[in-house]
Amino acid sequence: MSRDDEIWTARTRDRQSIEDIASVFGLSRSRVSQIIHERDIRWIDRQRVAQAKVLNPEDVDSWPIEALCLSARALNCLLSENVRTIGRLREMAPRDLLSIKNLGRTTFHEIVAALHELQASK
């Protein structure tokens, strides 16, 4: 197991504090935070790839909105309105999206771009 793997495991599985991990490995707190963040991103990417392999390419509308790889803000806004599938998202009018609390123009454009990208890849 690499040092980075050990650090990530100590934080995620063993629930050690960043300060404790930094002192054990002789690293700064910011370096430990950076290693953990990089590992989190890689883990999330692996989960998304695994999920994509399970999804039926013929039935995109049944896919969860997480398959669009949206930002946390966009995803949280949609989930707060109980929009859980791409089909449900496609049914929404632009004014309905823009009326969601905390969903502004930038987030709206991100969602529209993700849907266009999905459509182009079909």
PDB file of N, CA and C in Angstrom:
ATOM      1  N   MET A   1       0.855  -1.171   0.000  1.00  0.00           N
ATOM      2  CA  MET A   1       0.000   0.000   0.000  1.00  0.00           C
ATOM      3  C   MET A   1       0.903   1.237   0.000  1.00  0.00           C
ATOM      4  N   SER A   2       0.605   2.180  -0.871  1.00  0.00           N
ATOM      5  CA  SER A   2       1.416   3.393  -0.947  1.00  0.00           C
ATOM      6  C   SER A   2       1.121   4.311   0.248  1.00  0.00           C
ATOM      7  N   ARG A   3       2.002   5.268   0.437  1.00  0.00           N
ATOM      8  CA  ARG A   3       1.820   6.219   1.535  1.00  0.00           C
ATOM      9  C   ARG A   3       0.514   6.992   1.384  1.00  0.00           C
ATOM     10  N   ASP A   4       0.202   7.405   0.142  1.00  0.00           N
ATOM     11  CA  ASP A   4      -1.041   8.136  -0.093  1.00  0.00           C
ATOM     12  C   ASP A   4      -2.255   7.274   0.249  1.00  0.00           C
ATOM     13  N   ASP A   5      -2.177   5.983  -0.098  1.00  0.00           N
ATOM     14  CA  ASP A   5      -3.271   5.065   0.244  1.00  0.00           C
ATOM     15  C   ASP A   5      -3.418   4.944   1.762  1.00  0.00           C
ATOM     16  N   GLU A   6      -2.311   4.875   2.453  1.00  0.00           N
ATOM     17  CA  GLU A   6      -2.351   4.767   3.915  1.00  0.00           C
ATOM     18  C   GLU A   6      -2.981   6.027   4.533  1.00  0.00           C
ATOM     19  N   ILE A   7      -2.633   7.182   3.990  1.00  0.00           N
ATOM     20  CA  ILE A   7      -3.192   8.443   4.499  1.00  0.00           C
ATOM     21  C   ILE A   7      -4.689   8.479   4.267  1.00  0.00           C
ATOM     22  N   TRP A   8      -5.120   8.124   3.057  1.00  0.00           N
ATOM     23  CA  TRP A   8      -6.547   8.142   2.731  1.00  0.00           C
ATOM     24  C   TRP A   8      -7.318   7.157   3.608  1.00  0.00           C
ATOM     25  N   THR A   9      -6.735   5.972   3.824  1.00  0.00           N
ATOM     26  CA  THR A   9      -7.381   4.962   4.662  1.00  0.00           C
ATOM     27  C   THR A   9      -7.479   5.435   6.106  1.00  0.00           C
ATOM     28  N   ALA A  10      -6.414   6.062   6.603  1.00  0.00           N
ATOM     29  CA  ALA A  10      -6.431   6.561   7.982  1.00  0.00           C
ATOM     30  C   ALA A  10      -7.538   7.595   8.167  1.00  0.00           C
ATOM     31  N   ARG A  11      -7.775   8.403   7.156  1.00  0.00           N
ATOM     32  CA  ARG A  11      -8.795   9.447   7.259  1.00  0.00           C
ATOM     33  C   ARG A  11     -10.205   8.891   7.061  1.00  0.00           C
ATOM     34  N   THR A  12     -10.393   8.045   6.039  1.00  0.00           N
ATOM     35  CA  THR A  12     -11.743   7.601   5.701  1.00  0.00           C
ATOM     36  C   THR A  12     -12.212   6.412   6.530  1.00  0.00           C
ATOM     37  N   ARG A  13     -11.362   5.429   6.693  1.00  0.00           N
ATOM     38  CA  ARG A  13     -11.795   4.234   7.423  1.00  0.00           C
ATOM     39  C   ARG A  13     -11.564   4.367   8.926  1.00  0.00           C
ATOM     40  N   ASP A  14     -10.380   4.862   9.293  1.00  0.00           N
ATOM     41  CA  ASP A  14     -10.022   4.942  10.709  1.00  0.00           C
ATOM     42  C   ASP A  14     -10.480   6.238  11.373  1.00  0.00           C
ATOM     43  N   ARG A  15     -10.961   7.202  10.559  1.00  0.00           N
ATOM     44  CA  ARG A  15     -11.509   8.472  11.060  1.00  0.00           C
ATOM     45  C   ARG A  15     -10.505   9.281  11.889  1.00  0.00           C
ATOM     46  N   GLN A  16      -9.248   9.213  11.514  1.00  0.00           N
ATOM     47  CA  GLN A  16      -8.234   9.997  12.223  1.00  0.00           C
ATOM     48  C   GLN A  16      -8.306  11.445  11.759  1.00  0.00           C
ATOM     49  N   SER A  17      -7.914  12.353  12.636  1.00  0.00           N
ATOM     50  CA  SER A  17      -7.916  13.767  12.275  1.00  0.00           C
ATOM     51  C   SER A  17      -6.743  14.062  11.343  1.00  0.00           C
ATOM     52  N   ILE A  18      -6.876  15.143  10.602  1.00  0.00           N
ATOM     53  CA  ILE A  18      -5.813  15.546   9.681  1.00  0.00           C
ATOM     54  C   ILE A  18      -4.538  15.862  10.462  1.00  0.00           C
ATOM     55  N   GLU A  19      -4.697  16.476  11.628  1.00  0.00           N
ATOM     56  CA  GLU A  19      -3.533  16.805  12.456  1.00  0.00           C
ATOM     57  C   GLU A  19      -2.789  15.542  12.879  1.00  0.00           C
ATOM     58  N   ASP A  20      -3.528  14.509  13.300  1.00  0.00           N
ATOM     59  CA  ASP A  20      -2.896  13.248  13.714  1.00  0.00           C
ATOM     60  C   ASP A  20      -2.177  12.586  12.545  1.00  0.00           C
ATOM     61  N   ILE A  21      -2.814  12.576  11.398  1.00  0.00           N
ATOM     62  CA  ILE A  21      -2.202  11.964  10.217  1.00  0.00           C
ATOM     63  C   ILE A  21      -0.939  12.725   9.820  1.00  0.00           C
ATOM     64  N   ALA A  22      -1.009  14.053   9.856  1.00  0.00           N
ATOM     65  CA  ALA A  22       0.151  14.875   9.496  1.00  0.00           C
ATOM     66  C   ALA A  22       1.327  14.588  10.419  1.00  0.00           C
ATOM     67  N   SER A  23       1.065  14.449  11.709  1.00  0.00           N
ATOM     68  CA  SER A  23       2.170  14.188  12.646  1.00  0.00           C
ATOM     69  C   SER A  23       2.744  12.785  12.458  1.00  0.00           C
ATOM     70  N   VAL A  24       1.918  11.807  12.166  1.00  0.00           N
ATOM     71  CA  VAL A  24       2.401  10.435  11.969  1.00  0.00           C
ATOM     72  C   VAL A  24       3.266  10.332  10.712  1.00  0.00           C
ATOM     73  N   PHE A  25       2.855  10.990   9.642  1.00  0.00           N
ATOM     74  CA  PHE A  25       3.574  10.887   8.375  1.00  0.00           C
ATOM     75  C   PHE A  25       4.600  12.004   8.168  1.00  0.00           C
ATOM     76  N   GLY A  26       4.681  12.941   9.104  1.00  0.00           N
ATOM     77  CA  GLY A  26       5.647  14.020   8.997  1.00  0.00           C
ATOM     78  C   GLY A  26       5.365  14.975   7.846  1.00  0.00           C
ATOM     79  N   LEU A  27       4.087  15.240   7.612  1.00  0.00           N
ATOM     80  CA  LEU A  27       3.676  16.131   6.536  1.00  0.00           C
ATOM     81  C   LEU A  27       2.911  17.313   7.105  1.00  0.00           C
ATOM     82  N   SER A  28       2.781  18.345   6.291  1.00  0.00           N
ATOM     83  CA  SER A  28       1.964  19.487   6.716  1.00  0.00           C
ATOM     84  C   SER A  28       0.492  19.116   6.603  1.00  0.00           C
ATOM     85  N   ARG A  29      -0.337  19.846   7.340  1.00  0.00           N
ATOM     86  CA  ARG A  29      -1.785  19.598   7.290  1.00  0.00           C
ATOM     87  C   ARG A  29      -2.324  19.852   5.885  1.00  0.00           C
ATOM     88  N   SER A  30      -1.806  20.887   5.220  1.00  0.00           N
ATOM     89  CA  SER A  30      -2.304  21.202   3.874  1.00  0.00           C
ATOM     90  C   SER A  30      -1.947  20.087   2.881  1.00  0.00           C
ATOM     91  N   ARG A  31      -0.757  19.491   3.031  1.00  0.00           N
ATOM     92  CA  ARG A  31      -0.364  18.387   2.133  1.00  0.00           C
ATOM     93  C   ARG A  31      -1.241  17.160   2.380  1.00  0.00           C
ATOM     94  N   VAL A  32      -1.539  16.870   3.632  1.00  0.00           N
ATOM     95  CA  VAL A  32      -2.422  15.742   3.951  1.00  0.00           C
ATOM     96  C   VAL A  32      -3.808  15.992   3.362  1.00  0.00           C
ATOM     97  N   SER A  33      -4.321  17.208   3.512  1.00  0.00           N
ATOM     98  CA  SER A  33      -5.630  17.550   2.946  1.00  0.00           C
ATOM     99  C   SER A  33      -5.638  17.387   1.435  1.00  0.00           C
ATOM    100  N   GLN A  34      -4.558  17.796   0.796  1.00  0.00           N
ATOM    101  CA  GLN A  34      -4.458  17.685  -0.652  1.00  0.00           C
ATOM    102  C   GLN A  34      -4.455  16.217  -1.087  1.00  0.00           C
ATOM    103  N   ILE A  35      -3.703  15.367  -0.402  1.00  0.00           N
ATOM    104  CA  ILE A  35      -3.657  13.939  -0.727  1.00  0.00           C
ATOM    105  C   ILE A  35      -5.038  13.312  -0.581  1.00  0.00           C
ATOM    106  N   ILE A  36      -5.713  13.639   0.516  1.00  0.00           N
ATOM    107  CA  ILE A  36      -7.052  13.079   0.763  1.00  0.00           C
ATOM    108  C   ILE A  36      -8.022  13.540  -0.314  1.00  0.00           C
ATOM    109  N   HIS A  37      -7.960  14.820  -0.674  1.00  0.00           N
ATOM    110  CA  HIS A  37      -8.848  15.357  -1.712  1.00  0.00           C
ATOM    111  C   HIS A  37      -8.603  14.659  -3.051  1.00  0.00           C
ATOM    112  N   GLU A  38      -7.351  14.478  -3.432  1.00  0.00           N
ATOM    113  CA  GLU A  38      -7.030  13.817  -4.698  1.00  0.00           C
ATOM    114  C   GLU A  38      -7.540  12.381  -4.709  1.00  0.00           C
ATOM    115  N   ARG A  39      -7.386  11.694  -3.578  1.00  0.00           N
ATOM    116  CA  ARG A  39      -7.875  10.309  -3.486  1.00  0.00           C
ATOM    117  C   ARG A  39      -9.399  10.265  -3.557  1.00  0.00           C
ATOM    118  N   ASP A  40     -10.057  11.217  -2.923  1.00  0.00           N
ATOM    119  CA  ASP A  40     -11.520  11.267  -2.968  1.00  0.00           C
ATOM    120  C   ASP A  40     -12.001  11.416  -4.404  1.00  0.00           C
ATOM    121  N   ILE A  41     -11.362  12.294  -5.155  1.00  0.00           N
ATOM    122  CA  ILE A  41     -11.754  12.528  -6.544  1.00  0.00           C
ATOM    123  C   ILE A  41     -11.564  11.253  -7.363  1.00  0.00           C
ATOM    124  N   ARG A  42     -10.438  10.570  -7.175  1.00  0.00           N
ATOM    125  CA  ARG A  42     -10.211   9.324  -7.918  1.00  0.00           C
ATOM    126  C   ARG A  42     -11.240   8.260  -7.560  1.00  0.00           C
ATOM    127  N   TRP A  43     -11.591   8.186  -6.271  1.00  0.00           N
ATOM    128  CA  TRP A  43     -12.585   7.208  -5.837  1.00  0.00           C
ATOM    129  C   TRP A  43     -13.944   7.518  -6.459  1.00  0.00           C
ATOM    130  N   ILE A  44     -14.331   8.791  -6.466  1.00  0.00           N
ATOM    131  CA  ILE A  44     -15.604   9.199  -7.059  1.00  0.00           C
ATOM    132  C   ILE A  44     -15.614   8.896  -8.549  1.00  0.00           C
ATOM    133  N   ASP A  45     -14.506   9.169  -9.242  1.00  0.00           N
ATOM    134  CA  ASP A  45     -14.436   8.884 -10.678  1.00  0.00           C
ATOM    135  C   ASP A  45     -14.589   7.387 -10.952  1.00  0.00           C
ATOM    136  N   ARG A  46     -13.968   6.550 -10.137  1.00  0.00           N
ATOM    137  CA  ARG A  46     -14.110   5.100 -10.313  1.00  0.00           C
ATOM    138  C   ARG A  46     -15.556   4.660 -10.096  1.00  0.00           C
ATOM    139  N   GLN A  47     -16.214   5.276  -9.117  1.00  0.00           N
ATOM    140  CA  GLN A  47     -17.616   4.947  -8.859  1.00  0.00           C
ATOM    141  C   GLN A  47     -18.483   5.342 -10.049  1.00  0.00           C
ATOM    142  N   ARG A  48     -18.221   6.498 -10.627  1.00  0.00           N
ATOM    143  CA  ARG A  48     -19.013   6.960 -11.775  1.00  0.00           C
ATOM    144  C   ARG A  48     -18.819   6.050 -12.977  1.00  0.00           C
ATOM    145  N   VAL A  49     -17.579   5.604 -13.211  1.00  0.00           N
ATOM    146  CA  VAL A  49     -17.313   4.690 -14.330  1.00  0.00           C
ATOM    147  C   VAL A  49     -18.039   3.374 -14.104  1.00  0.00           C
ATOM    148  N   ALA A  50     -17.975   2.851 -12.889  1.00  0.00           N
ATOM    149  CA  ALA A  50     -18.665   1.599 -12.572  1.00  0.00           C
ATOM    150  C   ALA A  50     -20.164   1.751 -12.765  1.00  0.00           C
ATOM    151  N   GLN A  51     -20.717   2.875 -12.350  1.00  0.00           N
ATOM    152  CA  GLN A  51     -22.144   3.120 -12.495  1.00  0.00           C
ATOM    153  C   GLN A  51     -22.518   3.224 -13.973  1.00  0.00           C
ATOM    154  N   ALA A  52     -21.681   3.867 -14.764  1.00  0.00           N
ATOM    155  CA  ALA A  52     -21.970   4.044 -16.187  1.00  0.00           C
ATOM    156  C   ALA A  52     -22.011   2.705 -16.915  1.00  0.00           C
ATOM    157  N   LYS A  53     -21.209   1.736 -16.475  1.00  0.00           N
ATOM    158  CA  LYS A  53     -21.203   0.422 -17.112  1.00  0.00           C
ATOM    159  C   LYS A  53     -22.517  -0.312 -16.886  1.00  0.00           C
ATOM    160  N   VAL A  54     -23.203   0.007 -15.803  1.00  0.00           N
ATOM    161  CA  VAL A  54     -24.455  -0.657 -15.458  1.00  0.00           C
ATOM    162  C   VAL A  54     -25.639  -0.016 -16.166  1.00  0.00           C
ATOM    163  N   LEU A  55     -25.532   1.242 -16.516  1.00  0.00           N
ATOM    164  CA  LEU A  55     -26.647   1.980 -17.107  1.00  0.00           C
ATOM    165  C   LEU A  55     -26.933   1.508 -18.528  1.00  0.00           C
ATOM    166  N   ASN A  56     -28.200   1.401 -18.851  1.00  0.00           N
ATOM    167  CA  ASN A  56     -28.631   0.973 -20.172  1.00  0.00           C
ATOM    168  C   ASN A  56     -28.564   2.164 -21.132  1.00  0.00           C
ATOM    169  N   PRO A  57     -27.708   2.109 -22.143  1.00  0.00           N
ATOM    170  CA  PRO A  57     -27.586   3.249 -23.054  1.00  0.00           C
ATOM    171  C   PRO A  57     -28.848   3.511 -23.876  1.00  0.00           C
ATOM    172  N   GLU A  58     -29.743   2.543 -23.956  1.00  0.00           N
ATOM    173  CA  GLU A  58     -30.981   2.715 -24.709  1.00  0.00           C
ATOM    174  C   GLU A  58     -32.047   3.459 -23.909  1.00  0.00           C
ATOM    175  N   ASP A  59     -31.879   3.535 -22.593  1.00  0.00           N
ATOM    176  CA  ASP A  59     -32.892   4.140 -21.728  1.00  0.00           C
ATOM    177  C   ASP A  59     -32.272   5.251 -20.875  1.00  0.00           C
ATOM    178  N   VAL A  60     -31.763   6.272 -21.528  1.00  0.00           N
ATOM    179  CA  VAL A  60     -31.081   7.371 -20.853  1.00  0.00           C
ATOM    180  C   VAL A  60     -32.003   8.076 -19.858  1.00  0.00           C
ATOM    181  N   ASP A  61     -33.276   8.162 -20.161  1.00  0.00           N
ATOM    182  CA  ASP A  61     -34.200   8.875 -19.281  1.00  0.00           C
ATOM    183  C   ASP A  61     -34.319   8.247 -17.900  1.00  0.00           C
ATOM    184  N   SER A  62     -33.988   6.970 -17.765  1.00  0.00           N
ATOM    185  CA  SER A  62     -34.067   6.319 -16.455  1.00  0.00           C
ATOM    186  C   SER A  62     -32.768   6.467 -15.660  1.00  0.00           C
ATOM    187  N   TRP A  63     -31.747   7.022 -16.270  1.00  0.00           N
ATOM    188  CA  TRP A  63     -30.467   7.198 -15.574  1.00  0.00           C
ATOM    189  C   TRP A  63     -30.621   8.195 -14.428  1.00  0.00           C
ATOM    190  N   PRO A  64     -29.895   7.993 -13.337  1.00  0.00           N
ATOM    191  CA  PRO A  64     -29.909   8.986 -12.262  1.00  0.00           C
ATOM    192  C   PRO A  64     -29.172  10.248 -12.715  1.00  0.00           C
ATOM    193  N   ILE A  65     -29.546  11.383 -12.162  1.00  0.00           N
ATOM    194  CA  ILE A  65     -28.910  12.638 -12.577  1.00  0.00           C
ATOM    195  C   ILE A  65     -27.431  12.671 -12.212  1.00  0.00           C
ATOM    196  N   GLU A  66     -27.009  11.828 -11.290  1.00  0.00           N
ATOM    197  CA  GLU A  66     -25.584  11.766 -10.941  1.00  0.00           C
ATOM    198  C   GLU A  66     -24.731  11.372 -12.141  1.00  0.00           C
ATOM    199  N   ALA A  67     -25.318  10.697 -13.111  1.00  0.00           N
ATOM    200  CA  ALA A  67     -24.585  10.288 -14.312  1.00  0.00           C
ATOM    201  C   ALA A  67     -24.148  11.483 -15.157  1.00  0.00           C
ATOM    202  N   LEU A  68     -24.738  12.653 -14.924  1.00  0.00           N
ATOM    203  CA  LEU A  68     -24.354  13.855 -15.675  1.00  0.00           C
ATOM    204  C   LEU A  68     -23.067  14.493 -15.152  1.00  0.00           C
ATOM    205  N   CYS A  69     -22.581  14.038 -14.000  1.00  0.00           N
ATOM    206  CA  CYS A  69     -21.350  14.581 -13.392  1.00  0.00           C
ATOM    207  C   CYS A  69     -21.454  16.092 -13.174  1.00  0.00           C
ATOM    208  N   LEU A  70     -22.541  16.501 -12.571  1.00  0.00           N
ATOM    209  CA  LEU A  70     -22.775  17.912 -12.280  1.00  0.00           C
ATOM    210  C   LEU A  70     -22.020  18.342 -11.027  1.00  0.00           C
ATOM    211  N   SER A  71     -21.904  19.636 -10.844  1.00  0.00           N
ATOM    212  CA  SER A  71     -21.295  20.166  -9.624  1.00  0.00           C
ATOM    213  C   SER A  71     -22.199  19.836  -8.430  1.00  0.00           C
ATOM    214  N   ALA A  72     -21.639  19.958  -7.252  1.00  0.00           N
ATOM    215  CA  ALA A  72     -22.400  19.686  -6.034  1.00  0.00           C
ATOM    216  C   ALA A  72     -23.610  20.612  -5.929  1.00  0.00           C
ATOM    217  N   ARG A  73     -23.431  21.878  -6.271  1.00  0.00           N
ATOM    218  CA  ARG A  73     -24.553  22.830  -6.200  1.00  0.00           C
ATOM    219  C   ARG A  73     -25.681  22.401  -7.134  1.00  0.00           C
ATOM    220  N   ALA A  74     -25.352  22.094  -8.385  1.00  0.00           N
ATOM    221  CA  ALA A  74     -26.383  21.695  -9.350  1.00  0.00           C
ATOM    222  C   ALA A  74     -27.088  20.420  -8.889  1.00  0.00           C
ATOM    223  N   LEU A  75     -26.314  19.453  -8.458  1.00  0.00           N
ATOM    224  CA  LEU A  75     -26.894  18.196  -8.008  1.00  0.00           C
ATOM    225  C   LEU A  75     -27.788  18.402  -6.790  1.00  0.00           C
ATOM    226  N   ASN A  76     -27.320  19.158  -5.820  1.00  0.00           N
ATOM    227  CA  ASN A  76     -28.115  19.403  -4.619  1.00  0.00           C
ATOM    228  C   ASN A  76     -29.399  20.174  -4.923  1.00  0.00           C
ATOM    229  N   CYS A  77     -29.323  21.143  -5.823  1.00  0.00           N
ATOM    230  CA  CYS A  77     -30.528  21.895  -6.208  1.00  0.00           C
ATOM    231  C   CYS A  77     -31.566  20.962  -6.830  1.00  0.00           C
ATOM    232  N   LEU A  78     -31.121  20.103  -7.731  1.00  0.00           N
ATOM    233  CA  LEU A  78     -32.054  19.190  -8.390  1.00  0.00           C
ATOM    234  C   LEU A  78     -32.635  18.180  -7.402  1.00  0.00           C
ATOM    235  N   LEU A  79     -31.789  17.639  -6.554  1.00  0.00           N
ATOM    236  CA  LEU A  79     -32.278  16.661  -5.574  1.00  0.00           C
ATOM    237  C   LEU A  79     -33.246  17.295  -4.581  1.00  0.00           C
ATOM    238  N   SER A  80     -33.035  18.575  -4.272  1.00  0.00           N
ATOM    239  CA  SER A  80     -33.947  19.254  -3.343  1.00  0.00           C
ATOM    240  C   SER A  80     -35.359  19.369  -3.919  1.00  0.00           C
ATOM    241  N   GLU A  81     -35.466  19.347  -5.247  1.00  0.00           N
ATOM    242  CA  GLU A  81     -36.760  19.399  -5.917  1.00  0.00           C
ATOM    243  C   GLU A  81     -37.218  18.005  -6.352  1.00  0.00           C
ATOM    244  N   ASN A  82     -36.558  16.981  -5.829  1.00  0.00           N
ATOM    245  CA  ASN A  82     -36.901  15.582  -6.103  1.00  0.00           C
ATOM    246  C   ASN A  82     -36.744  15.222  -7.584  1.00  0.00           C
ATOM    247  N   VAL A  83     -35.788  15.857  -8.249  1.00  0.00           N
ATOM    248  CA  VAL A  83     -35.460  15.510  -9.631  1.00  0.00           C
ATOM    249  C   VAL A  83     -34.340  14.479  -9.535  1.00  0.00           C
ATOM    250  N   ARG A  84     -34.666  13.222  -9.765  1.00  0.00           N
ATOM    251  CA  ARG A  84     -33.712  12.138  -9.551  1.00  0.00           C
ATOM    252  C   ARG A  84     -33.256  11.449 -10.841  1.00  0.00           C
ATOM    253  N   THR A  85     -33.985  11.640 -11.930  1.00  0.00           N
ATOM    254  CA  THR A  85     -33.608  10.980 -13.184  1.00  0.00           C
ATOM    255  C   THR A  85     -33.440  12.013 -14.299  1.00  0.00           C
ATOM    256  N   ILE A  86     -32.697  11.618 -15.312  1.00  0.00           N
ATOM    257  CA  ILE A  86     -32.482  12.494 -16.458  1.00  0.00           C
ATOM    258  C   ILE A  86     -33.810  12.749 -17.176  1.00  0.00           C
ATOM    259  N   GLY A  87     -34.670  11.743 -17.222  1.00  0.00           N
ATOM    260  CA  GLY A  87     -35.984  11.916 -17.845  1.00  0.00           C
ATOM    261  C   GLY A  87     -36.801  12.996 -17.160  1.00  0.00           C
ATOM    262  N   ARG A  88     -36.805  12.990 -15.848  1.00  0.00           N
ATOM    263  CA  ARG A  88     -37.536  14.017 -15.077  1.00  0.00           C
ATOM    264  C   ARG A  88     -36.930  15.399 -15.338  1.00  0.00           C
ATOM    265  N   LEU A  89     -35.603  15.455 -15.419  1.00  0.00           N
ATOM    266  CA  LEU A  89     -34.926  16.722 -15.687  1.00  0.00           C
ATOM    267  C   LEU A  89     -35.295  17.248 -17.071  1.00  0.00           C
ATOM    268  N   ARG A  90     -35.343  16.363 -18.055  1.00  0.00           N
ATOM    269  CA  ARG A  90     -35.697  16.769 -19.421  1.00  0.00           C
ATOM    270  C   ARG A  90     -37.126  17.286 -19.511  1.00  0.00           C
ATOM    271  N   GLU A  91     -38.000  16.809 -18.642  1.00  0.00           N
ATOM    272  CA  GLU A  91     -39.398  17.251 -18.653  1.00  0.00           C
ATOM    273  C   GLU A  91     -39.564  18.682 -18.145  1.00  0.00           C
ATOM    274  N   MET A  92     -38.588  19.174 -17.409  1.00  0.00           N
ATOM    275  CA  MET A  92     -38.707  20.489 -16.784  1.00  0.00           C
ATOM    276  C   MET A  92     -38.462  21.608 -17.787  1.00  0.00           C
ATOM    277  N   ALA A  93     -39.278  22.630 -17.708  1.00  0.00           N
ATOM    278  CA  ALA A  93     -39.103  23.825 -18.544  1.00  0.00           C
ATOM    279  C   ALA A  93     -37.974  24.675 -17.945  1.00  0.00           C
ATOM    280  N   PRO A  94     -37.300  25.458 -18.763  1.00  0.00           N
ATOM    281  CA  PRO A  94     -36.228  26.315 -18.245  1.00  0.00           C
ATOM    282  C   PRO A  94     -36.675  27.204 -17.079  1.00  0.00           C
ATOM    283  N   ARG A  95     -37.877  27.743 -17.154  1.00  0.00           N
ATOM    284  CA  ARG A  95     -38.350  28.620 -16.069  1.00  0.00           C
ATOM    285  C   ARG A  95     -38.513  27.828 -14.764  1.00  0.00           C
ATOM    286  N   ASP A  96     -38.877  26.516 -14.890  1.00  0.00           N
ATOM    287  CA  ASP A  96     -38.999  25.679 -13.692  1.00  0.00           C
ATOM    288  C   ASP A  96     -37.632  25.457 -13.050  1.00  0.00           C
ATOM    289  N   LEU A  97     -36.633  25.235 -13.884  1.00  0.00           N
ATOM    290  CA  LEU A  97     -35.271  25.061 -13.352  1.00  0.00           C
ATOM    291  C   LEU A  97     -34.808  26.334 -12.649  1.00  0.00           C
ATOM    292  N   LEU A  98     -35.009  27.459 -13.310  1.00  0.00           N
ATOM    293  CA  LEU A  98     -34.545  28.731 -12.748  1.00  0.00           C
ATOM    294  C   LEU A  98     -35.309  29.141 -11.494  1.00  0.00           C
ATOM    295  N   SER A  99     -36.456  28.534 -11.267  1.00  0.00           N
ATOM    296  CA  SER A  99     -37.224  28.863 -10.055  1.00  0.00           C
ATOM    297  C   SER A  99     -36.776  28.045  -8.839  1.00  0.00           C
ATOM    298  N   ILE A 100     -35.872  27.088  -9.044  1.00  0.00           N
ATOM    299  CA  ILE A 100     -35.367  26.285  -7.928  1.00  0.00           C
ATOM    300  C   ILE A 100     -34.455  27.148  -7.063  1.00  0.00           C
ATOM    301  N   LYS A 101     -34.656  27.071  -5.771  1.00  0.00           N
ATOM    302  CA  LYS A 101     -33.854  27.855  -4.831  1.00  0.00           C
ATOM    303  C   LYS A 101     -32.365  27.531  -4.997  1.00  0.00           C
ATOM    304  N   ASN A 102     -31.537  28.567  -5.024  1.00  0.00           N
ATOM    305  CA  ASN A 102     -30.074  28.485  -5.142  1.00  0.00           C
ATOM    306  C   ASN A 102     -29.590  28.036  -6.523  1.00  0.00           C
ATOM    307  N   LEU A 103     -30.483  27.918  -7.492  1.00  0.00           N
ATOM    308  CA  LEU A 103     -30.073  27.551  -8.843  1.00  0.00           C
ATOM    309  C   LEU A 103     -30.114  28.813  -9.693  1.00  0.00           C
ATOM    310  N   GLY A 104     -28.941  29.370  -9.934  1.00  0.00           N
ATOM    311  CA  GLY A 104     -28.841  30.594 -10.718  1.00  0.00           C
ATOM    312  C   GLY A 104     -28.496  30.308 -12.168  1.00  0.00           C
ATOM    313  N   ARG A 105     -28.156  31.348 -12.877  1.00  0.00           N
ATOM    314  CA  ARG A 105     -27.882  31.221 -14.306  1.00  0.00           C
ATOM    315  C   ARG A 105     -26.667  30.336 -14.599  1.00  0.00           C
ATOM    316  N   THR A 106     -25.631  30.464 -13.806  1.00  0.00           N
ATOM    317  CA  THR A 106     -24.428  29.659 -14.040  1.00  0.00           C
ATOM    318  C   THR A 106     -24.744  28.179 -13.882  1.00  0.00           C
ATOM    319  N   THR A 107     -25.450  27.837 -12.825  1.00  0.00           N
ATOM    320  CA  THR A 107     -25.828  26.442 -12.592  1.00  0.00           C
ATOM    321  C   THR A 107     -26.788  25.967 -13.669  1.00  0.00           C
ATOM    322  N   PHE A 108     -27.707  26.830 -14.063  1.00  0.00           N
ATOM    323  CA  PHE A 108     -28.643  26.499 -15.143  1.00  0.00           C
ATOM    324  C   PHE A 108     -27.870  26.162 -16.422  1.00  0.00           C
ATOM    325  N   HIS A 109     -26.895  27.004 -16.775  1.00  0.00           N
ATOM    326  CA  HIS A 109     -26.110  26.765 -17.990  1.00  0.00           C
ATOM    327  C   HIS A 109     -25.284  25.478 -17.877  1.00  0.00           C
ATOM    328  N   GLU A 110     -24.808  25.174 -16.692  1.00  0.00           N
ATOM    329  CA  GLU A 110     -24.068  23.923 -16.475  1.00  0.00           C
ATOM    330  C   GLU A 110     -24.966  22.714 -16.755  1.00  0.00           C
ATOM    331  N   ILE A 111     -26.196  22.756 -16.254  1.00  0.00           N
ATOM    332  CA  ILE A 111     -27.140  21.654 -16.451  1.00  0.00           C
ATOM    333  C   ILE A 111     -27.496  21.509 -17.924  1.00  0.00           C
ATOM    334  N   VAL A 112     -27.774  22.629 -18.574  1.00  0.00           N
ATOM    335  CA  VAL A 112     -28.117  22.596 -20.002  1.00  0.00           C
ATOM    336  C   VAL A 112     -26.945  22.047 -20.817  1.00  0.00           C
ATOM    337  N   ALA A 113     -25.732  22.468 -20.507  1.00  0.00           N
ATOM    338  CA  ALA A 113     -24.553  21.976 -21.221  1.00  0.00           C
ATOM    339  C   ALA A 113     -24.375  20.472 -21.020  1.00  0.00           C
ATOM    340  N   ALA A 114     -24.616  19.996 -19.805  1.00  0.00           N
ATOM    341  CA  ALA A 114     -24.489  18.555 -19.533  1.00  0.00           C
ATOM    342  C   ALA A 114     -25.526  17.762 -20.332  1.00  0.00           C
ATOM    343  N   LEU A 115     -26.730  18.282 -20.427  1.00  0.00           N
ATOM    344  CA  LEU A 115     -27.765  17.604 -21.213  1.00  0.00           C
ATOM    345  C   LEU A 115     -27.423  17.610 -22.705  1.00  0.00           C
ATOM    346  N   HIS A 116     -26.889  18.729 -23.188  1.00  0.00           N
ATOM    347  CA  HIS A 116     -26.472  18.790 -24.598  1.00  0.00           C
ATOM    348  C   HIS A 116     -25.331  17.821 -24.865  1.00  0.00           C
ATOM    349  N   GLU A 117     -24.399  17.750 -23.955  1.00  0.00           N
ATOM    350  CA  GLU A 117     -23.270  16.829 -24.103  1.00  0.00           C
ATOM    351  C   GLU A 117     -23.759  15.380 -24.129  1.00  0.00           C
ATOM    352  N   LEU A 118     -24.709  15.073 -23.272  1.00  0.00           N
ATOM    353  CA  LEU A 118     -25.280  13.724 -23.241  1.00  0.00           C
ATOM    354  C   LEU A 118     -25.977  13.427 -24.570  1.00  0.00           C
ATOM    355  N   GLN A 119     -26.732  14.380 -25.075  1.00  0.00           N
ATOM    356  CA  GLN A 119     -27.451  14.204 -26.329  1.00  0.00           C
ATOM    357  C   GLN A 119     -26.464  14.006 -27.479  1.00  0.00           C
ATOM    358  N   ALA A 120     -25.363  14.746 -27.482  1.00  0.00           N
ATOM    359  CA  ALA A 120     -24.372  14.650 -28.552  1.00  0.00           C
ATOM    360  C   ALA A 120     -23.647  13.303 -28.529  1.00  0.00           C
ATOM    361  N   SER A 121     -23.510  12.708 -27.338  1.00  0.00           N
ATOM    362  CA  SER A 121     -22.793  11.446 -27.218  1.00  0.00           C
ATOM    363  C   SER A 121     -23.642  10.237 -27.573  1.00  0.00           C
ATOM    364  N   LYS A 122     -24.942  10.456 -27.747  1.00  0.00           N
ATOM    365  CA  LYS A 122     -25.830   9.323 -28.085  1.00  0.00           C
ATOM    366  C   LYS A 122     -25.693   8.905 -29.529  1.00  0.00           C
TER     367      LYS A 122
END
